[in-house]
């Protein structure tokens, strides 16, 4: 996880047991770092201090794993300005979600969202003043 995310996690008293358990396995990195060949960390702070997505590339194809940028394929896209209780910085979460969804809709880039319906692969599409989820068709 990013250095900022790791520092934030370590600063939370409720995380003490988790931090103690996973410390030997954590190798913090900076936003923009190549974490494996073809996988680059993309800074998406807002949901949490150092939240990161991952840009996965293979040849000329690209996919963004957007993590917790949006939590609902319906609500998060219809009302991206709504702050959710899981964002540690609500205003930054709103700004990041709004900007990232606009960018993804404009680019037509493929996205993986772990919170969207299986298989979580698709595109963000502009729908009036909001967005909608267009799943990849099989």
N, C-alpha and C. Protein backbone atom coordinates (compact mmCIF):
# COMPACT_ATOMS: atom_id res chain seq x y z
N UNK A 1 0.84 -1.18 0.00
CA UNK A 1 0.00 0.00 0.00
C UNK A 1 0.88 1.24 0.00
N UNK A 2 0.27 2.40 -0.33
CA UNK A 2 1.08 3.61 -0.38
C UNK A 2 1.60 3.98 1.01
N UNK A 3 2.69 4.74 1.02
CA UNK A 3 3.26 5.18 2.30
C UNK A 3 2.22 5.96 3.12
N UNK A 4 1.47 6.83 2.44
CA UNK A 4 0.46 7.63 3.15
C UNK A 4 -0.63 6.74 3.73
N UNK A 5 -1.07 5.74 2.98
CA UNK A 5 -2.10 4.81 3.46
C UNK A 5 -1.59 4.01 4.66
N UNK A 6 -0.35 3.55 4.55
CA UNK A 6 0.26 2.76 5.62
C UNK A 6 0.42 3.62 6.88
N UNK A 7 0.88 4.85 6.73
CA UNK A 7 1.04 5.74 7.88
C UNK A 7 -0.31 6.02 8.53
N UNK A 8 -1.33 6.24 7.71
CA UNK A 8 -2.67 6.47 8.24
C UNK A 8 -3.17 5.24 9.00
N UNK A 9 -3.01 4.07 8.41
CA UNK A 9 -3.45 2.84 9.05
C UNK A 9 -2.75 2.65 10.40
N UNK A 10 -1.46 2.92 10.44
CA UNK A 10 -0.69 2.77 11.67
C UNK A 10 -1.10 3.78 12.74
N UNK A 11 -1.63 4.92 12.33
CA UNK A 11 -2.00 5.97 13.28
C UNK A 11 -3.34 5.72 13.97
N UNK A 12 -4.10 4.76 13.49
CA UNK A 12 -5.43 4.50 14.04
C UNK A 12 -5.35 3.45 15.15
N UNK A 13 -5.68 3.83 16.39
CA UNK A 13 -5.58 2.88 17.51
C UNK A 13 -6.36 1.59 17.29
N UNK A 14 -7.50 1.66 16.62
CA UNK A 14 -8.31 0.46 16.39
C UNK A 14 -7.63 -0.53 15.46
N UNK A 15 -6.59 -0.10 14.75
CA UNK A 15 -5.90 -0.96 13.80
C UNK A 15 -4.68 -1.67 14.38
N UNK A 16 -4.41 -1.49 15.66
CA UNK A 16 -3.16 -1.99 16.26
C UNK A 16 -2.94 -3.48 16.00
N UNK A 17 -3.94 -4.30 16.19
CA UNK A 17 -3.77 -5.74 15.99
C UNK A 17 -3.52 -6.06 14.52
N UNK A 18 -4.26 -5.43 13.64
CA UNK A 18 -4.08 -5.64 12.21
C UNK A 18 -2.69 -5.21 11.77
N UNK A 19 -2.27 -4.03 12.20
CA UNK A 19 -0.94 -3.51 11.85
C UNK A 19 0.14 -4.47 12.33
N UNK A 20 0.02 -4.95 13.56
CA UNK A 20 1.02 -5.88 14.09
C UNK A 20 1.09 -7.16 13.26
N UNK A 21 -0.06 -7.61 12.81
CA UNK A 21 -0.12 -8.86 12.04
C UNK A 21 0.46 -8.71 10.64
N UNK A 22 0.16 -7.60 9.96
CA UNK A 22 0.57 -7.48 8.55
C UNK A 22 1.89 -6.75 8.33
N UNK A 23 2.46 -6.12 9.36
CA UNK A 23 3.71 -5.36 9.19
C UNK A 23 4.79 -6.13 8.43
N UNK A 24 5.05 -7.38 8.74
CA UNK A 24 6.11 -8.08 8.00
C UNK A 24 5.83 -8.24 6.50
N UNK A 25 4.57 -8.12 6.11
CA UNK A 25 4.20 -8.34 4.70
C UNK A 25 4.04 -7.03 3.91
N UNK A 26 4.08 -5.89 4.58
CA UNK A 26 3.81 -4.61 3.92
C UNK A 26 5.10 -4.00 3.39
N UNK A 27 5.07 -3.63 2.12
CA UNK A 27 6.16 -2.88 1.49
C UNK A 27 5.52 -1.61 0.92
N UNK A 28 5.59 -0.51 1.66
CA UNK A 28 4.94 0.72 1.18
C UNK A 28 5.61 1.26 -0.09
N UNK A 29 4.81 1.93 -0.90
CA UNK A 29 5.32 2.52 -2.13
C UNK A 29 4.73 3.91 -2.30
N UNK A 30 5.30 4.67 -3.22
CA UNK A 30 4.82 6.02 -3.50
C UNK A 30 3.80 5.98 -4.64
N UNK A 31 2.86 6.93 -4.67
CA UNK A 31 1.92 7.01 -5.79
C UNK A 31 2.70 7.12 -7.10
N UNK A 32 2.22 6.42 -8.10
CA UNK A 32 2.89 6.42 -9.39
C UNK A 32 3.91 5.31 -9.55
N UNK A 33 4.19 4.60 -8.47
CA UNK A 33 5.20 3.54 -8.52
C UNK A 33 4.72 2.37 -9.38
N UNK A 34 5.66 1.74 -10.05
CA UNK A 34 5.38 0.48 -10.74
C UNK A 34 5.53 -0.60 -9.67
N UNK A 35 4.41 -1.24 -9.33
CA UNK A 35 4.44 -2.23 -8.25
C UNK A 35 4.77 -3.63 -8.76
N UNK A 36 4.52 -3.84 -10.04
CA UNK A 36 4.89 -5.07 -10.75
C UNK A 36 4.96 -4.68 -12.22
N UNK A 37 5.65 -5.43 -13.04
CA UNK A 37 5.66 -5.09 -14.46
C UNK A 37 4.23 -5.01 -15.01
N UNK A 38 3.90 -3.89 -15.64
CA UNK A 38 2.57 -3.70 -16.21
C UNK A 38 1.53 -3.19 -15.23
N UNK A 39 1.92 -2.97 -13.98
CA UNK A 39 0.96 -2.49 -12.96
C UNK A 39 1.56 -1.27 -12.26
N UNK A 40 0.89 -0.13 -12.44
CA UNK A 40 1.35 1.12 -11.85
C UNK A 40 0.31 1.63 -10.87
N UNK A 41 0.76 2.07 -9.69
CA UNK A 41 -0.14 2.64 -8.69
C UNK A 41 -0.61 4.02 -9.17
N UNK A 42 -1.90 4.25 -9.09
CA UNK A 42 -2.50 5.53 -9.50
C UNK A 42 -3.05 6.19 -8.24
N UNK A 43 -2.61 7.39 -7.93
CA UNK A 43 -3.11 8.05 -6.72
C UNK A 43 -4.60 8.38 -6.84
N UNK A 44 -5.40 7.89 -5.91
CA UNK A 44 -6.84 8.15 -5.87
C UNK A 44 -7.27 8.53 -4.46
N UNK A 45 -6.45 9.31 -3.77
CA UNK A 45 -6.76 9.68 -2.39
C UNK A 45 -8.11 10.36 -2.30
N UNK A 46 -8.72 10.24 -1.18
CA UNK A 46 -10.05 10.79 -0.94
C UNK A 46 -10.84 9.81 -0.10
N UNK A 47 -10.97 8.60 -0.60
CA UNK A 47 -11.63 7.58 0.21
C UNK A 47 -10.84 7.41 1.50
N UNK A 48 -9.55 7.26 1.36
CA UNK A 48 -8.62 7.30 2.49
C UNK A 48 -7.44 8.15 2.06
N UNK A 49 -6.60 8.49 3.01
CA UNK A 49 -5.49 9.41 2.79
C UNK A 49 -4.61 9.01 1.62
N UNK A 50 -4.24 7.77 1.54
CA UNK A 50 -3.33 7.33 0.49
C UNK A 50 -3.94 6.32 -0.46
N UNK A 51 -5.26 6.36 -0.60
CA UNK A 51 -5.94 5.39 -1.45
C UNK A 51 -5.32 5.36 -2.84
N UNK A 52 -5.20 4.18 -3.37
CA UNK A 52 -4.55 4.00 -4.67
C UNK A 52 -5.36 3.04 -5.51
N UNK A 53 -5.40 3.32 -6.80
CA UNK A 53 -5.93 2.38 -7.77
C UNK A 53 -4.73 1.81 -8.52
N UNK A 54 -4.99 1.00 -9.51
CA UNK A 54 -3.90 0.38 -10.25
C UNK A 54 -4.21 0.39 -11.74
N UNK A 55 -3.29 0.96 -12.51
CA UNK A 55 -3.40 0.94 -13.95
C UNK A 55 -2.67 -0.29 -14.46
N UNK A 56 -3.41 -1.16 -15.11
CA UNK A 56 -2.86 -2.42 -15.60
C UNK A 56 -2.77 -2.30 -17.12
N UNK A 57 -1.57 -2.50 -17.65
CA UNK A 57 -1.39 -2.38 -19.10
C UNK A 57 -0.80 -3.68 -19.65
N UNK A 58 -1.23 -3.98 -20.85
CA UNK A 58 -0.70 -5.13 -21.59
C UNK A 58 -0.77 -4.77 -23.06
N UNK A 59 0.40 -4.71 -23.69
CA UNK A 59 0.49 -4.24 -25.06
C UNK A 59 -0.18 -2.87 -25.14
N UNK A 60 -1.18 -2.70 -25.98
CA UNK A 60 -1.82 -1.39 -26.11
C UNK A 60 -3.10 -1.28 -25.28
N UNK A 61 -3.41 -2.30 -24.50
CA UNK A 61 -4.63 -2.29 -23.70
C UNK A 61 -4.35 -1.79 -22.29
N UNK A 62 -5.38 -1.12 -21.72
CA UNK A 62 -5.23 -0.54 -20.39
C UNK A 62 -6.53 -0.73 -19.61
N UNK A 63 -6.38 -0.96 -18.31
CA UNK A 63 -7.52 -1.14 -17.41
C UNK A 63 -7.18 -0.43 -16.10
N UNK A 64 -8.14 0.32 -15.56
CA UNK A 64 -7.95 0.94 -14.25
C UNK A 64 -8.72 0.16 -13.21
N UNK A 65 -8.02 -0.35 -12.20
CA UNK A 65 -8.66 -0.93 -11.02
C UNK A 65 -8.86 0.26 -10.09
N UNK A 66 -10.14 0.65 -9.89
CA UNK A 66 -10.42 1.91 -9.19
C UNK A 66 -10.69 1.76 -7.70
N UNK A 67 -10.53 0.57 -7.17
CA UNK A 67 -10.64 0.39 -5.72
C UNK A 67 -11.93 0.94 -5.14
N UNK A 68 -11.80 1.80 -4.14
CA UNK A 68 -12.95 2.35 -3.43
C UNK A 68 -13.34 3.75 -3.90
N UNK A 69 -12.98 4.10 -5.13
CA UNK A 69 -13.35 5.41 -5.66
C UNK A 69 -14.87 5.54 -5.72
N UNK A 70 -15.57 4.47 -6.08
CA UNK A 70 -17.04 4.44 -6.11
C UNK A 70 -17.49 3.13 -5.48
N UNK A 71 -18.51 3.20 -4.65
CA UNK A 71 -18.97 2.01 -3.92
C UNK A 71 -20.24 1.39 -4.48
N UNK A 72 -20.95 2.11 -5.32
CA UNK A 72 -22.19 1.59 -5.87
C UNK A 72 -22.27 1.94 -7.35
N UNK A 73 -22.57 0.94 -8.17
CA UNK A 73 -22.73 1.17 -9.60
C UNK A 73 -23.97 2.02 -9.88
N UNK A 74 -24.82 2.18 -8.89
CA UNK A 74 -26.03 2.99 -9.05
C UNK A 74 -25.85 4.33 -8.36
N UNK A 75 -25.75 4.33 -7.04
CA UNK A 75 -25.73 5.58 -6.27
C UNK A 75 -24.47 6.41 -6.54
N UNK A 76 -23.30 5.78 -6.50
CA UNK A 76 -22.05 6.52 -6.68
C UNK A 76 -21.96 7.18 -8.05
N UNK A 77 -22.61 6.57 -9.05
CA UNK A 77 -22.55 7.14 -10.39
C UNK A 77 -23.67 8.15 -10.62
N UNK A 78 -24.84 7.91 -10.05
CA UNK A 78 -25.95 8.86 -10.21
C UNK A 78 -25.73 10.12 -9.39
N UNK A 79 -25.07 9.98 -8.23
CA UNK A 79 -24.85 11.11 -7.33
C UNK A 79 -23.41 11.12 -6.83
N UNK A 80 -22.44 11.32 -7.71
CA UNK A 80 -21.03 11.27 -7.28
C UNK A 80 -20.67 12.35 -6.26
N UNK A 81 -21.49 13.38 -6.18
CA UNK A 81 -21.21 14.46 -5.21
C UNK A 81 -21.59 14.08 -3.79
N UNK A 82 -22.32 13.01 -3.61
CA UNK A 82 -22.70 12.58 -2.27
C UNK A 82 -21.48 12.04 -1.54
N UNK A 83 -21.30 12.48 -0.33
CA UNK A 83 -20.21 11.99 0.52
C UNK A 83 -20.70 10.73 1.22
N UNK A 84 -19.86 9.71 1.23
CA UNK A 84 -20.24 8.47 1.91
C UNK A 84 -19.49 8.37 3.24
N UNK A 85 -20.07 7.67 4.17
CA UNK A 85 -19.50 7.55 5.50
C UNK A 85 -18.16 6.84 5.56
N UNK A 86 -17.84 6.08 4.53
CA UNK A 86 -16.57 5.35 4.52
C UNK A 86 -15.39 6.22 4.10
N UNK A 87 -15.65 7.40 3.51
CA UNK A 87 -14.55 8.28 3.11
C UNK A 87 -13.97 8.94 4.37
N UNK A 88 -12.66 8.82 4.56
CA UNK A 88 -12.05 9.43 5.73
C UNK A 88 -11.95 10.94 5.59
N UNK A 89 -11.94 11.45 4.36
CA UNK A 89 -12.00 12.88 4.08
C UNK A 89 -13.12 13.06 3.08
N UNK A 90 -14.31 13.36 3.58
CA UNK A 90 -15.50 13.43 2.74
C UNK A 90 -15.37 14.38 1.56
N UNK A 91 -14.87 15.57 1.80
CA UNK A 91 -14.76 16.56 0.72
C UNK A 91 -13.75 16.11 -0.32
N UNK A 92 -12.62 15.58 0.12
CA UNK A 92 -11.63 15.10 -0.84
C UNK A 92 -12.17 13.89 -1.61
N UNK A 93 -12.92 13.04 -0.92
CA UNK A 93 -13.55 11.90 -1.59
C UNK A 93 -14.51 12.36 -2.67
N UNK A 94 -15.32 13.35 -2.36
CA UNK A 94 -16.27 13.90 -3.34
C UNK A 94 -15.52 14.46 -4.55
N UNK A 95 -14.49 15.27 -4.29
CA UNK A 95 -13.73 15.88 -5.38
C UNK A 95 -13.06 14.82 -6.25
N UNK A 96 -12.44 13.84 -5.62
CA UNK A 96 -11.75 12.80 -6.37
C UNK A 96 -12.73 11.98 -7.19
N UNK A 97 -13.84 11.55 -6.57
CA UNK A 97 -14.84 10.74 -7.27
C UNK A 97 -15.39 11.50 -8.47
N UNK A 98 -15.75 12.76 -8.26
CA UNK A 98 -16.32 13.57 -9.34
C UNK A 98 -15.32 13.72 -10.48
N UNK A 99 -14.08 14.05 -10.16
CA UNK A 99 -13.06 14.25 -11.20
C UNK A 99 -12.73 12.93 -11.90
N UNK A 100 -12.58 11.86 -11.15
CA UNK A 100 -12.19 10.57 -11.74
C UNK A 100 -13.29 10.02 -12.63
N UNK A 101 -14.55 10.12 -12.21
CA UNK A 101 -15.64 9.64 -13.05
C UNK A 101 -15.73 10.43 -14.35
N UNK A 102 -15.53 11.75 -14.27
CA UNK A 102 -15.56 12.59 -15.49
C UNK A 102 -14.44 12.16 -16.43
N UNK A 103 -13.26 11.93 -15.89
CA UNK A 103 -12.11 11.52 -16.70
C UNK A 103 -12.37 10.17 -17.36
N UNK A 104 -12.89 9.22 -16.59
CA UNK A 104 -13.14 7.89 -17.13
C UNK A 104 -14.23 7.90 -18.19
N UNK A 105 -15.27 8.69 -17.99
CA UNK A 105 -16.34 8.78 -18.98
C UNK A 105 -15.81 9.42 -20.27
N UNK A 106 -14.97 10.42 -20.15
CA UNK A 106 -14.42 11.09 -21.33
C UNK A 106 -13.46 10.18 -22.10
N UNK A 107 -12.69 9.38 -21.38
CA UNK A 107 -11.68 8.54 -22.04
C UNK A 107 -12.25 7.24 -22.60
N UNK A 108 -13.34 6.75 -22.01
CA UNK A 108 -13.89 5.46 -22.42
C UNK A 108 -13.04 4.29 -21.94
N UNK A 109 -12.11 4.58 -21.04
CA UNK A 109 -11.19 3.57 -20.51
C UNK A 109 -11.95 2.44 -19.82
N UNK A 110 -11.43 1.23 -19.94
CA UNK A 110 -12.02 0.11 -19.23
C UNK A 110 -11.63 0.18 -17.75
N UNK A 111 -12.58 -0.25 -16.92
CA UNK A 111 -12.45 -0.12 -15.47
C UNK A 111 -12.79 -1.46 -14.82
N UNK A 112 -12.09 -1.74 -13.73
CA UNK A 112 -12.50 -2.82 -12.84
C UNK A 112 -12.86 -2.16 -11.53
N UNK A 113 -14.08 -2.45 -11.04
CA UNK A 113 -14.51 -1.95 -9.74
C UNK A 113 -14.94 -3.13 -8.88
N UNK A 114 -14.23 -3.36 -7.77
CA UNK A 114 -14.57 -4.51 -6.92
C UNK A 114 -15.94 -4.39 -6.26
N UNK A 115 -16.53 -3.19 -6.23
CA UNK A 115 -17.83 -3.01 -5.58
C UNK A 115 -19.00 -3.08 -6.56
N UNK A 116 -18.72 -3.16 -7.85
CA UNK A 116 -19.79 -3.19 -8.84
C UNK A 116 -20.18 -4.63 -9.12
N UNK A 117 -21.34 -4.86 -9.75
CA UNK A 117 -21.79 -6.23 -10.00
C UNK A 117 -20.76 -7.06 -10.77
N UNK A 118 -20.71 -8.34 -10.42
CA UNK A 118 -19.79 -9.28 -11.06
C UNK A 118 -19.95 -9.22 -12.57
N UNK A 119 -18.89 -9.19 -13.29
CA UNK A 119 -17.49 -9.33 -12.89
C UNK A 119 -16.79 -8.01 -12.57
N UNK A 120 -17.53 -6.92 -12.51
CA UNK A 120 -16.95 -5.63 -12.15
C UNK A 120 -16.13 -4.98 -13.25
N UNK A 121 -16.26 -5.46 -14.47
CA UNK A 121 -15.53 -4.91 -15.61
C UNK A 121 -16.48 -4.14 -16.51
N UNK A 122 -16.07 -2.93 -16.90
CA UNK A 122 -16.92 -2.16 -17.79
C UNK A 122 -16.37 -0.77 -18.01
N UNK A 123 -17.28 0.15 -18.30
CA UNK A 123 -16.91 1.53 -18.56
C UNK A 123 -17.88 2.46 -17.84
N UNK A 124 -17.38 3.63 -17.50
CA UNK A 124 -18.21 4.70 -16.94
C UNK A 124 -18.70 5.52 -18.14
N UNK A 125 -20.00 5.74 -18.22
CA UNK A 125 -20.60 6.44 -19.36
C UNK A 125 -21.34 7.67 -18.85
N UNK A 126 -21.17 8.79 -19.53
CA UNK A 126 -21.89 10.02 -19.17
C UNK A 126 -23.37 9.80 -19.40
N UNK A 127 -24.21 10.22 -18.45
CA UNK A 127 -25.66 10.09 -18.56
C UNK A 127 -26.29 11.37 -18.03
N UNK A 128 -26.47 12.36 -18.89
CA UNK A 128 -26.98 13.67 -18.46
C UNK A 128 -25.94 14.36 -17.60
N UNK A 129 -26.33 14.70 -16.37
CA UNK A 129 -25.39 15.35 -15.46
C UNK A 129 -24.68 14.35 -14.55
N UNK A 130 -24.94 13.07 -14.76
CA UNK A 130 -24.34 12.02 -13.92
C UNK A 130 -23.67 10.99 -14.83
N UNK A 131 -23.60 9.75 -14.33
CA UNK A 131 -22.95 8.67 -15.06
C UNK A 131 -23.75 7.40 -14.90
N UNK A 132 -23.42 6.42 -15.72
CA UNK A 132 -24.00 5.08 -15.56
C UNK A 132 -22.92 4.06 -15.85
N UNK A 133 -23.14 2.86 -15.39
CA UNK A 133 -22.20 1.75 -15.55
C UNK A 133 -22.58 0.96 -16.79
N UNK A 134 -21.61 0.74 -17.66
CA UNK A 134 -21.80 -0.08 -18.84
C UNK A 134 -20.90 -1.31 -18.69
N UNK A 135 -21.47 -2.44 -18.24
CA UNK A 135 -20.64 -3.63 -18.06
C UNK A 135 -20.11 -4.15 -19.39
N UNK A 136 -18.98 -4.81 -19.33
CA UNK A 136 -18.44 -5.48 -20.52
C UNK A 136 -19.37 -6.60 -20.88
N UNK A 137 -19.68 -6.69 -22.13
CA UNK A 137 -20.55 -7.77 -22.60
C UNK A 137 -19.69 -8.98 -22.95
N UNK A 138 -20.19 -10.15 -22.58
CA UNK A 138 -19.46 -11.37 -22.93
C UNK A 138 -20.05 -12.01 -24.15
